[in-house]
Amino acid sequence: MNRVELADFLLRSRTRLAPSDVGLTAGPRRRTPGLRREEVAQLAGMSTDYYTRLEQRRGSHPSRQMLTALARALRLTDAERDHLFHLAGEEPPRRGTSSGHVRPGLLLILDRLHDLPASVLSDWGEMLAQNAMSMALSGDRTGTNVIRGWFTEPSLRTLFPPEVHERHARSHVASLRAVTAARPDDPGPAALVAELRAGSREFEGFWRTHDVEVHRPSPKRFLHPVVGVLDLDCEVLTGDGHSQQLVVHSARPGTETYERLELLRVIGLQDLTPSDRWGA
C-alpha cells in the first residue's frame, strides 16, 4: 500500500469534481473547489474520519469492497479504478468478471434523473447505485443483491402484489442462469447460484426447469406503503458489455400513478419507507 500516492490520488480526484457532477447541491460558503471529504465519505458509504485518515496518509488498508465504493463515489474511469487498486496494494478486478464498478457516464445519467426512480444493477442482481427517488420507492438497497433478497427474505416481496410473485421469481432465476452460462469463470454469479440452490427450495425448483431469460422492459405494479398502488413503466438500458443495466421507472402524465409519483418525489427525502421493503 503506497499511502503517499494513494492520499494524493484521492485528494486530486476529489477536488476535480463539482457537487453537481455527483447529484449534490453546492450550497453556500464553498470556498475550495471540488467535493468535501464528508461528501466523498457519504457517497462511498464510509465514515468521514476513515476517509480523512486515508487522505492524511495514516489510514488502515481499505478492503476491496471499500475501494470499489471509492471508485464509484469519485466517478473514476476503468483505468483510474485499476490505479486506485494498485496504490492500495490490491490486484484490480479481472476483465470479464463482475467488479461492481459503474462507469462515470452511467452515474452521470443516474444523477440527472432526479424526478424518476432509477438504479444501476449488475446483470446478476447486484444493486450498484440508486438515486433518491429509487430509494423512496423501494428503500436503500445499494450493496445488496436483488435475487438473493427475493429468495432469502420473503418480507421484501411485499412491495409487489402476490399474483406476480411467481413470475418475478422465475424471471430472476432464468436471468441468473443466462449470466452464469455467458460468464462461467465469473465467481460472483456462480457463488450466488450455489448459495441459493442450497438455501432455497423455491430457487432450486425453478433452477431445474432450465428457463433462460434476459431482463426486458415491462410494466410493473408496486404497492408502496405511503402513496399506494403505482403502475409504472420500466425501461432497461444496458451498459457497455451488457453486464450493467440502468433501470428507470416512469408514469404516464395525466394518470393517477403520475400524481402519486409526484407525491413520492416531494416526500422522498423523508424516511417513510420501512427498511424491510424491497424493489427491483
C-alpha atoms as a PDB file:
ATOM      1  CA  MET A   1       0.000   0.000   0.000  1.00  0.00           C
ATOM      2  CA  ASN A   2       1.505   3.282  -1.140  1.00  0.00           C
ATOM      3  CA  ARG A   3      -0.044   5.678   1.387  1.00  0.00           C
ATOM      4  CA  VAL A   4       1.576   8.811  -0.045  1.00  0.00           C
ATOM      5  CA  GLU A   5       0.464   8.231  -3.640  1.00  0.00           C
ATOM      6  CA  LEU A   6      -2.942   6.946  -2.541  1.00  0.00           C
ATOM      7  CA  ALA A   7      -3.581  10.089  -0.472  1.00  0.00           C
ATOM      8  CA  ASP A   8      -2.539  12.343  -3.347  1.00  0.00           C
ATOM      9  CA  PHE A   9      -4.699  10.481  -5.861  1.00  0.00           C
ATOM     10  CA  LEU A  10      -7.767  10.636  -3.612  1.00  0.00           C
ATOM     11  CA  LEU A  11      -7.271  14.344  -2.991  1.00  0.00           C
ATOM     12  CA  ARG A  12      -6.859  15.196  -6.673  1.00  0.00           C
ATOM     13  CA  SER A  13      -9.816  13.011  -7.667  1.00  0.00           C
ATOM     14  CA  ARG A  14     -11.985  14.720  -5.072  1.00  0.00           C
ATOM     15  CA  THR A  15     -11.058  18.279  -5.982  1.00  0.00           C
ATOM     16  CA  ARG A  16     -11.732  17.856  -9.700  1.00  0.00           C
ATOM     17  CA  LEU A  17     -15.410  17.003  -9.096  1.00  0.00           C
ATOM     18  CA  ALA A  18     -18.146  19.592  -8.689  1.00  0.00           C
ATOM     19  CA  PRO A  19     -21.102  18.775  -6.416  1.00  0.00           C
ATOM     20  CA  SER A  20     -23.382  18.829  -9.470  1.00  0.00           C
ATOM     21  CA  ASP A  21     -21.267  16.035 -11.002  1.00  0.00           C
ATOM     22  CA  VAL A  22     -22.492  13.643  -8.323  1.00  0.00           C
ATOM     23  CA  GLY A  23     -26.037  14.913  -7.876  1.00  0.00           C
ATOM     24  CA  LEU A  24     -25.345  17.194  -4.901  1.00  0.00           C
ATOM     25  CA  THR A  25     -26.245  20.828  -4.332  1.00  0.00           C
ATOM     26  CA  ALA A  26     -23.260  23.137  -3.900  1.00  0.00           C
ATOM     27  CA  GLY A  27     -24.841  25.272  -1.207  1.00  0.00           C
ATOM     28  CA  PRO A  28     -23.326  28.460   0.279  1.00  0.00           C
ATOM     29  CA  ARG A  29     -19.845  29.075   1.676  1.00  0.00           C
ATOM     30  CA  ARG A  30     -17.977  26.621  -0.542  1.00  0.00           C
ATOM     31  CA  ARG A  31     -14.546  28.266  -0.690  1.00  0.00           C
ATOM     32  CA  THR A  32     -12.488  25.434  -2.168  1.00  0.00           C
ATOM     33  CA  PRO A  33     -13.063  23.554  -5.438  1.00  0.00           C
ATOM     34  CA  GLY A  34     -14.346  20.027  -5.604  1.00  0.00           C
ATOM     35  CA  LEU A  35     -16.150  17.819  -3.133  1.00  0.00           C
ATOM     36  CA  ARG A  36     -15.704  17.969   0.607  1.00  0.00           C
ATOM     37  CA  ARG A  37     -14.270  14.963   2.425  1.00  0.00           C
ATOM     38  CA  GLU A  38     -17.557  14.289   4.158  1.00  0.00           C
ATOM     39  CA  GLU A  39     -19.347  14.255   0.796  1.00  0.00           C
ATOM     40  CA  VAL A  40     -16.992  11.630  -0.622  1.00  0.00           C
ATOM     41  CA  ALA A  41     -17.388   9.566   2.545  1.00  0.00           C
ATOM     42  CA  GLN A  42     -21.162   9.799   2.289  1.00  0.00           C
ATOM     43  CA  LEU A  43     -21.171   8.754  -1.362  1.00  0.00           C
ATOM     44  CA  ALA A  44     -18.859   5.822  -0.597  1.00  0.00           C
ATOM     45  CA  GLY A  45     -20.781   4.702   2.489  1.00  0.00           C
ATOM     46  CA  MET A  46     -17.893   5.108   4.942  1.00  0.00           C
ATOM     47  CA  SER A  47     -17.135   7.318   7.915  1.00  0.00           C
ATOM     48  CA  THR A  48     -15.696  10.767   7.312  1.00  0.00           C
ATOM     49  CA  ASP A  49     -12.996  10.017   9.879  1.00  0.00           C
ATOM     50  CA  TYR A  50     -11.776   6.961   7.988  1.00  0.00           C
ATOM     51  CA  TYR A  51     -11.722   8.765   4.638  1.00  0.00           C
ATOM     52  CA  THR A  52      -9.862  11.694   6.226  1.00  0.00           C
ATOM     53  CA  ARG A  53      -7.208   9.328   7.555  1.00  0.00           C
ATOM     54  CA  LEU A  54      -6.695   7.930   4.048  1.00  0.00           C
ATOM     55  CA  GLU A  55      -6.074  11.425   2.696  1.00  0.00           C
ATOM     56  CA  GLN A  56      -3.744  12.131   5.602  1.00  0.00           C
ATOM     57  CA  ARG A  57      -1.611   9.051   4.794  1.00  0.00           C
ATOM     58  CA  ARG A  58      -2.472   7.253   8.032  1.00  0.00           C
ATOM     59  CA  GLY A  59      -5.488   5.139   7.150  1.00  0.00           C
ATOM     60  CA  SER A  60      -5.586   1.364   7.509  1.00  0.00           C
ATOM     61  CA  HIS A  61      -5.650  -0.849   4.440  1.00  0.00           C
ATOM     62  CA  PRO A  62      -9.017  -0.420   2.653  1.00  0.00           C
ATOM     63  CA  SER A  63     -10.925  -3.542   1.649  1.00  0.00           C
ATOM     64  CA  ARG A  64     -11.653  -4.346  -1.985  1.00  0.00           C
ATOM     65  CA  GLN A  65     -15.299  -3.509  -1.372  1.00  0.00           C
ATOM     66  CA  MET A  66     -14.302  -0.114   0.005  1.00  0.00           C
ATOM     67  CA  LEU A  67     -12.022   0.565  -2.966  1.00  0.00           C
ATOM     68  CA  THR A  68     -14.896  -0.209  -5.315  1.00  0.00           C
ATOM     69  CA  ALA A  69     -17.130   2.180  -3.367  1.00  0.00           C
ATOM     70  CA  LEU A  70     -14.483   4.914  -3.537  1.00  0.00           C
ATOM     71  CA  ALA A  71     -14.052   4.437  -7.278  1.00  0.00           C
ATOM     72  CA  ARG A  72     -17.795   4.820  -7.722  1.00  0.00           C
ATOM     73  CA  ALA A  73     -18.024   7.871  -5.436  1.00  0.00           C
ATOM     74  CA  LEU A  74     -15.145   9.622  -7.231  1.00  0.00           C
ATOM     75  CA  ARG A  75     -16.514   8.739 -10.686  1.00  0.00           C
ATOM     76  CA  LEU A  76     -13.273   7.030 -11.734  1.00  0.00           C
ATOM     77  CA  THR A  77     -12.769   5.531 -15.164  1.00  0.00           C
ATOM     78  CA  ASP A  78     -11.744   1.883 -15.503  1.00  0.00           C
ATOM     79  CA  ALA A  79      -8.065   2.875 -15.793  1.00  0.00           C
ATOM     80  CA  GLU A  80      -8.322   5.160 -12.752  1.00  0.00           C
ATOM     81  CA  ARG A  81     -10.135   2.441 -10.801  1.00  0.00           C
ATOM     82  CA  ASP A  82      -7.304  -0.004 -11.563  1.00  0.00           C
ATOM     83  CA  HIS A  83      -4.752   2.626 -10.496  1.00  0.00           C
ATOM     84  CA  LEU A  84      -6.593   3.075  -7.186  1.00  0.00           C
ATOM     85  CA  PHE A  85      -6.430  -0.673  -6.540  1.00  0.00           C
ATOM     86  CA  HIS A  86      -2.706  -0.774  -7.352  1.00  0.00           C
ATOM     87  CA  LEU A  87      -1.947   2.106  -4.962  1.00  0.00           C
ATOM     88  CA  ALA A  88      -3.793   0.242  -2.221  1.00  0.00           C
ATOM     89  CA  GLY A  89      -1.725  -2.875  -2.878  1.00  0.00           C
ATOM     90  CA  GLU A  90      -4.596  -4.800  -4.437  1.00  0.00           C
ATOM     91  CA  GLU A  91      -4.947  -6.532  -7.781  1.00  0.00           C
ATOM     92  CA  PRO A  92      -7.668  -4.830  -9.858  1.00  0.00           C
ATOM     93  CA  PRO A  93     -10.724  -6.897 -10.791  1.00  0.00           C
ATOM     94  CA  ARG A  94     -10.114  -9.108 -13.790  1.00  0.00           C
ATOM     95  CA  ARG A  95     -11.710  -8.108 -17.067  1.00  0.00           C
ATOM     96  CA  GLY A  96     -14.767 -10.189 -17.850  1.00  0.00           C
ATOM     97  CA  THR A  97     -15.769 -10.595 -14.202  1.00  0.00           C
ATOM     98  CA  SER A  98     -18.185  -8.627 -12.048  1.00  0.00           C
ATOM     99  CA  SER A  99     -16.314  -5.716 -10.483  1.00  0.00           C
ATOM    100  CA  GLY A 100     -19.157  -3.555  -9.198  1.00  0.00           C
ATOM    101  CA  HIS A 101     -17.554  -0.532 -10.849  1.00  0.00           C
ATOM    102  CA  VAL A 102     -20.076   1.760 -12.524  1.00  0.00           C
ATOM    103  CA  ARG A 103     -18.842   3.884 -15.419  1.00  0.00           C
ATOM    104  CA  PRO A 104     -18.895   7.660 -14.706  1.00  0.00           C
ATOM    105  CA  GLY A 105     -21.163   8.318 -17.691  1.00  0.00           C
ATOM    106  CA  LEU A 106     -23.796   5.930 -16.369  1.00  0.00           C
ATOM    107  CA  LEU A 107     -23.659   7.552 -12.938  1.00  0.00           C
ATOM    108  CA  LEU A 108     -23.998  10.981 -14.543  1.00  0.00           C
ATOM    109  CA  ILE A 109     -27.231   9.910 -16.212  1.00  0.00           C
ATOM    110  CA  LEU A 110     -28.452   8.450 -12.917  1.00  0.00           C
ATOM    111  CA  ASP A 111     -27.784  11.724 -11.099  1.00  0.00           C
ATOM    112  CA  ARG A 112     -29.712  13.701 -13.719  1.00  0.00           C
ATOM    113  CA  LEU A 113     -32.858  11.568 -13.346  1.00  0.00           C
ATOM    114  CA  HIS A 114     -33.874  13.331 -10.148  1.00  0.00           C
ATOM    115  CA  ASP A 115     -37.642  13.052 -10.726  1.00  0.00           C
ATOM    116  CA  LEU A 116     -37.811   9.362 -11.684  1.00  0.00           C
ATOM    117  CA  PRO A 117     -36.818   6.209  -9.747  1.00  0.00           C
ATOM    118  CA  ALA A 118     -33.602   4.982 -11.367  1.00  0.00           C
ATOM    119  CA  SER A 119     -30.948   2.493 -10.365  1.00  0.00           C
ATOM    120  CA  VAL A 120     -27.913   0.691 -11.760  1.00  0.00           C
ATOM    121  CA  LEU A 121     -27.797  -3.081 -11.347  1.00  0.00           C
ATOM    122  CA  SER A 122     -25.397  -5.744 -12.475  1.00  0.00           C
ATOM    123  CA  ASP A 123     -26.829  -8.421 -14.731  1.00  0.00           C
ATOM    124  CA  TRP A 124     -26.779 -10.842 -11.777  1.00  0.00           C
ATOM    125  CA  GLY A 125     -28.743  -8.630  -9.406  1.00  0.00           C
ATOM    126  CA  GLU A 126     -26.179  -6.514  -7.544  1.00  0.00           C
ATOM    127  CA  MET A 127     -27.654  -3.109  -6.699  1.00  0.00           C
ATOM    128  CA  LEU A 128     -24.725  -0.850  -7.603  1.00  0.00           C
ATOM    129  CA  ALA A 129     -26.288   2.605  -7.320  1.00  0.00           C
ATOM    130  CA  GLN A 130     -29.662   4.273  -6.688  1.00  0.00           C
ATOM    131  CA  ASN A 131     -30.935   7.803  -6.942  1.00  0.00           C
ATOM    132  CA  ALA A 132     -33.092   9.388  -4.233  1.00  0.00           C
ATOM    133  CA  MET A 133     -36.349   8.501  -5.994  1.00  0.00           C
ATOM    134  CA  SER A 134     -35.352   4.846  -6.248  1.00  0.00           C
ATOM    135  CA  MET A 135     -34.659   4.793  -2.510  1.00  0.00           C
ATOM    136  CA  ALA A 136     -38.012   6.461  -1.848  1.00  0.00           C
ATOM    137  CA  LEU A 137     -39.736   3.797  -3.936  1.00  0.00           C
ATOM    138  CA  SER A 138     -38.056   0.658  -2.643  1.00  0.00           C
ATOM    139  CA  GLY A 139     -35.682   1.570   0.188  1.00  0.00           C
ATOM    140  CA  ASP A 140     -31.909   1.923   0.203  1.00  0.00           C
ATOM    141  CA  ARG A 141     -30.646  -1.371  -1.237  1.00  0.00           C
ATOM    142  CA  THR A 142     -27.265  -0.283  -2.568  1.00  0.00           C
ATOM    143  CA  GLY A 143     -24.713  -3.024  -1.979  1.00  0.00           C
ATOM    144  CA  THR A 144     -27.271  -5.818  -1.730  1.00  0.00           C
ATOM    145  CA  ASN A 145     -28.403  -8.368  -4.304  1.00  0.00           C
ATOM    146  CA  VAL A 146     -31.943  -8.275  -5.704  1.00  0.00           C
ATOM    147  CA  ILE A 147     -32.078 -12.014  -6.406  1.00  0.00           C
ATOM    148  CA  ARG A 148     -30.669 -13.071  -3.036  1.00  0.00           C
ATOM    149  CA  GLY A 149     -33.117 -10.774  -1.257  1.00  0.00           C
ATOM    150  CA  TRP A 150     -36.072 -12.139  -3.194  1.00  0.00           C
ATOM    151  CA  PHE A 151     -35.416 -15.748  -2.183  1.00  0.00           C
ATOM    152  CA  THR A 152     -33.998 -15.357   1.324  1.00  0.00           C
ATOM    153  CA  GLU A 153     -36.159 -12.549   2.765  1.00  0.00           C
ATOM    154  CA  PRO A 154     -39.812 -13.171   1.848  1.00  0.00           C
ATOM    155  CA  SER A 155     -40.957  -9.972   3.584  1.00  0.00           C
ATOM    156  CA  LEU A 156     -39.146  -7.995   0.897  1.00  0.00           C
ATOM    157  CA  ARG A 157     -41.722  -9.144  -1.647  1.00  0.00           C
ATOM    158  CA  THR A 158     -44.477  -7.038  -0.095  1.00  0.00           C
ATOM    159  CA  LEU A 159     -43.669  -4.178  -2.469  1.00  0.00           C
ATOM    160  CA  PHE A 160     -45.296  -6.231  -5.247  1.00  0.00           C
ATOM    161  CA  PRO A 161     -48.803  -7.780  -5.444  1.00  0.00           C
ATOM    162  CA  PRO A 162     -48.908 -11.525  -4.644  1.00  0.00           C
ATOM    163  CA  GLU A 163     -50.141 -12.518  -8.103  1.00  0.00           C
ATOM    164  CA  VAL A 164     -46.822 -11.522  -9.702  1.00  0.00           C
ATOM    165  CA  HIS A 165     -44.500 -13.120  -7.145  1.00  0.00           C
ATOM    166  CA  GLU A 166     -44.047 -16.374  -9.056  1.00  0.00           C
ATOM    167  CA  ARG A 167     -43.401 -14.531 -12.321  1.00  0.00           C
ATOM    168  CA  HIS A 168     -40.734 -12.371 -10.676  1.00  0.00           C
ATOM    169  CA  ALA A 169     -39.124 -15.433  -9.080  1.00  0.00           C
ATOM    170  CA  ARG A 170     -38.978 -17.316 -12.382  1.00  0.00           C
ATOM    171  CA  SER A 171     -37.558 -14.259 -14.134  1.00  0.00           C
ATOM    172  CA  HIS A 172     -34.816 -13.822 -11.535  1.00  0.00           C
ATOM    173  CA  VAL A 173     -33.740 -17.467 -11.836  1.00  0.00           C
ATOM    174  CA  ALA A 174     -33.882 -17.504 -15.633  1.00  0.00           C
ATOM    175  CA  SER A 175     -31.786 -14.340 -15.972  1.00  0.00           C
ATOM    176  CA  LEU A 176     -29.206 -15.634 -13.476  1.00  0.00           C
ATOM    177  CA  ARG A 177     -28.894 -18.872 -15.429  1.00  0.00           C
ATOM    178  CA  ALA A 178     -28.210 -16.900 -18.614  1.00  0.00           C
ATOM    179  CA  VAL A 179     -25.461 -14.917 -16.884  1.00  0.00           C
ATOM    180  CA  THR A 180     -23.705 -17.966 -15.428  1.00  0.00           C
ATOM    181  CA  ALA A 181     -23.669 -19.622 -18.850  1.00  0.00           C
ATOM    182  CA  ALA A 182     -22.315 -16.490 -20.535  1.00  0.00           C
ATOM    183  CA  ARG A 183     -19.567 -15.977 -17.911  1.00  0.00           C
ATOM    184  CA  PRO A 184     -18.713 -19.379 -16.437  1.00  0.00           C
ATOM    185  CA  ASP A 185     -15.429 -18.095 -14.958  1.00  0.00           C
ATOM    186  CA  ASP A 186     -17.066 -15.205 -13.083  1.00  0.00           C
ATOM    187  CA  PRO A 187     -17.050 -16.248  -9.389  1.00  0.00           C
ATOM    188  CA  GLY A 188     -19.821 -13.856  -8.272  1.00  0.00           C
ATOM    189  CA  PRO A 189     -22.836 -15.280 -10.133  1.00  0.00           C
ATOM    190  CA  ALA A 190     -21.605 -18.858  -9.659  1.00  0.00           C
ATOM    191  CA  ALA A 191     -21.326 -18.401  -5.894  1.00  0.00           C
ATOM    192  CA  LEU A 192     -24.803 -16.881  -5.724  1.00  0.00           C
ATOM    193  CA  VAL A 193     -26.289 -19.830  -7.618  1.00  0.00           C
ATOM    194  CA  ALA A 194     -24.590 -22.318  -5.285  1.00  0.00           C
ATOM    195  CA  GLU A 195     -25.793 -20.393  -2.225  1.00  0.00           C
ATOM    196  CA  LEU A 196     -29.412 -20.192  -3.365  1.00  0.00           C
ATOM    197  CA  ARG A 197     -29.623 -23.761  -4.626  1.00  0.00           C
ATOM    198  CA  ALA A 198     -28.515 -24.932  -1.199  1.00  0.00           C
ATOM    199  CA  GLY A 199     -30.625 -22.491   0.807  1.00  0.00           C
ATOM    200  CA  SER A 200     -33.889 -22.048  -1.117  1.00  0.00           C
ATOM    201  CA  ARG A 201     -36.153 -24.915  -2.229  1.00  0.00           C
ATOM    202  CA  GLU A 202     -38.106 -22.443  -4.362  1.00  0.00           C
ATOM    203  CA  PHE A 203     -34.971 -21.312  -6.190  1.00  0.00           C
ATOM    204  CA  GLU A 204     -33.832 -24.933  -6.704  1.00  0.00           C
ATOM    205  CA  GLY A 205     -37.223 -25.845  -8.163  1.00  0.00           C
ATOM    206  CA  PHE A 206     -37.131 -23.031 -10.698  1.00  0.00           C
ATOM    207  CA  TRP A 207     -33.449 -23.702 -11.456  1.00  0.00           C
ATOM    208  CA  ARG A 208     -34.285 -27.268 -12.507  1.00  0.00           C
ATOM    209  CA  THR A 209     -36.691 -26.005 -15.178  1.00  0.00           C
ATOM    210  CA  HIS A 210     -33.658 -24.585 -17.052  1.00  0.00           C
ATOM    211  CA  ASP A 211     -35.516 -21.496 -18.256  1.00  0.00           C
ATOM    212  CA  VAL A 212     -33.325 -18.738 -19.724  1.00  0.00           C
ATOM    213  CA  GLU A 213     -34.250 -15.070 -19.927  1.00  0.00           C
ATOM    214  CA  VAL A 214     -32.753 -11.597 -20.069  1.00  0.00           C
ATOM    215  CA  HIS A 215     -34.395  -8.610 -18.386  1.00  0.00           C
ATOM    216  CA  ARG A 216     -36.601  -6.695 -20.779  1.00  0.00           C
ATOM    217  CA  PRO A 217     -38.676  -3.530 -20.332  1.00  0.00           C
ATOM    218  CA  SER A 218     -42.106  -4.305 -18.872  1.00  0.00           C
ATOM    219  CA  PRO A 219     -44.759  -2.526 -16.792  1.00  0.00           C
ATOM    220  CA  LYS A 220     -44.561  -3.120 -13.042  1.00  0.00           C
ATOM    221  CA  ARG A 221     -47.087  -2.637 -10.263  1.00  0.00           C
ATOM    222  CA  PHE A 222     -45.735  -1.512  -6.890  1.00  0.00           C
ATOM    223  CA  LEU A 223     -47.595  -1.466  -3.578  1.00  0.00           C
ATOM    224  CA  HIS A 224     -45.939   1.466  -1.869  1.00  0.00           C
ATOM    225  CA  PRO A 225     -46.733   1.707   1.879  1.00  0.00           C
ATOM    226  CA  VAL A 226     -47.189   5.505   1.770  1.00  0.00           C
ATOM    227  CA  VAL A 227     -48.503   6.610  -1.642  1.00  0.00           C
ATOM    228  CA  GLY A 228     -50.331   3.391  -2.553  1.00  0.00           C
ATOM    229  CA  VAL A 229     -50.510   1.497  -5.848  1.00  0.00           C
ATOM    230  CA  LEU A 230     -48.079   2.603  -8.580  1.00  0.00           C
ATOM    231  CA  ASP A 231     -48.406   1.243 -12.125  1.00  0.00           C
ATOM    232  CA  LEU A 232     -45.040   2.141 -13.612  1.00  0.00           C
ATOM    233  CA  ASP A 233     -43.428   1.670 -16.989  1.00  0.00           C
ATOM    234  CA  CYS A 234     -39.943   0.173 -16.771  1.00  0.00           C
ATOM    235  CA  GLU A 235     -37.104   0.847 -19.181  1.00  0.00           C
ATOM    236  CA  VAL A 236     -33.883  -1.173 -19.015  1.00  0.00           C
ATOM    237  CA  LEU A 237     -30.818   0.327 -20.701  1.00  0.00           C
ATOM    238  CA  THR A 238     -27.748  -1.900 -20.907  1.00  0.00           C
ATOM    239  CA  GLY A 239     -24.257  -0.518 -20.398  1.00  0.00           C
ATOM    240  CA  ASP A 240     -21.016  -1.376 -22.139  1.00  0.00           C
ATOM    241  CA  GLY A 241     -20.665  -5.156 -22.384  1.00  0.00           C
ATOM    242  CA  HIS A 242     -24.277  -5.628 -21.206  1.00  0.00           C
ATOM    243  CA  SER A 243     -23.120  -6.526 -17.680  1.00  0.00           C
ATOM    244  CA  GLN A 244     -24.758  -3.456 -16.099  1.00  0.00           C
ATOM    245  CA  GLN A 245     -28.264  -2.105 -16.512  1.00  0.00           C
ATOM    246  CA  LEU A 246     -29.784   1.307 -15.903  1.00  0.00           C
ATOM    247  CA  VAL A 247     -33.365   0.659 -14.764  1.00  0.00           C
ATOM    248  CA  VAL A 248     -35.751   3.625 -14.945  1.00  0.00           C
ATOM    249  CA  HIS A 249     -39.389   3.647 -13.789  1.00  0.00           C
ATOM    250  CA  SER A 250     -41.844   6.261 -15.042  1.00  0.00           C
ATOM    251  CA  ALA A 251     -45.558   7.039 -15.113  1.00  0.00           C
ATOM    252  CA  ARG A 252     -47.681   8.366 -17.930  1.00  0.00           C
ATOM    253  CA  PRO A 253     -48.732  12.026 -17.460  1.00  0.00           C
ATOM    254  CA  GLY A 254     -52.354  12.506 -16.510  1.00  0.00           C
ATOM    255  CA  THR A 255     -52.675   9.171 -14.696  1.00  0.00           C
ATOM    256  CA  GLU A 256     -53.280   8.646 -11.003  1.00  0.00           C
ATOM    257  CA  THR A 257     -49.909   6.958 -10.762  1.00  0.00           C
ATOM    258  CA  TYR A 258     -48.254  10.072 -12.185  1.00  0.00           C
ATOM    259  CA  GLU A 259     -49.753  12.157  -9.386  1.00  0.00           C
ATOM    260  CA  ARG A 260     -48.688   9.607  -6.787  1.00  0.00           C
ATOM    261  CA  LEU A 261     -45.168   9.542  -8.193  1.00  0.00           C
ATOM    262  CA  GLU A 262     -45.041  13.329  -7.875  1.00  0.00           C
ATOM    263  CA  LEU A 263     -46.124  12.963  -4.254  1.00  0.00           C
ATOM    264  CA  LEU A 264     -43.387  10.400  -3.719  1.00  0.00           C
ATOM    265  CA  ARG A 265     -40.860  12.862  -5.128  1.00  0.00           C
ATOM    266  CA  VAL A 266     -41.979  15.518  -2.655  1.00  0.00           C
ATOM    267  CA  ILE A 267     -41.768  13.239   0.363  1.00  0.00           C
ATOM    268  CA  GLY A 268     -38.873  11.186  -0.965  1.00  0.00           C
ATOM    269  CA  LEU A 269     -36.242  12.817   1.242  1.00  0.00           C
ATOM    270  CA  GLN A 270     -38.136  11.720   4.328  1.00  0.00           C
ATOM    271  CA  ASP A 271     -37.549   8.256   5.732  1.00  0.00           C
ATOM    272  CA  LEU A 272     -41.075   6.988   5.130  1.00  0.00           C
ATOM    273  CA  THR A 273     -40.337   3.660   3.509  1.00  0.00           C
ATOM    274  CA  PRO A 274     -39.839   0.800   6.010  1.00  0.00           C
ATOM    275  CA  SER A 275     -36.323  -0.581   5.912  1.00  0.00           C
ATOM    276  CA  ASP A 276     -37.505  -4.098   5.089  1.00  0.00           C
ATOM    277  CA  ARG A 277     -39.136  -3.144   1.796  1.00  0.00           C
ATOM    278  CA  TRP A 278     -37.670  -4.295  -1.470  1.00  0.00           C
ATOM    279  CA  GLY A 279     -38.000  -3.263  -5.095  1.00  0.00           C
ATOM    280  CA  ALA A 280     -36.159  -4.146  -8.249  1.00  0.00           C
END
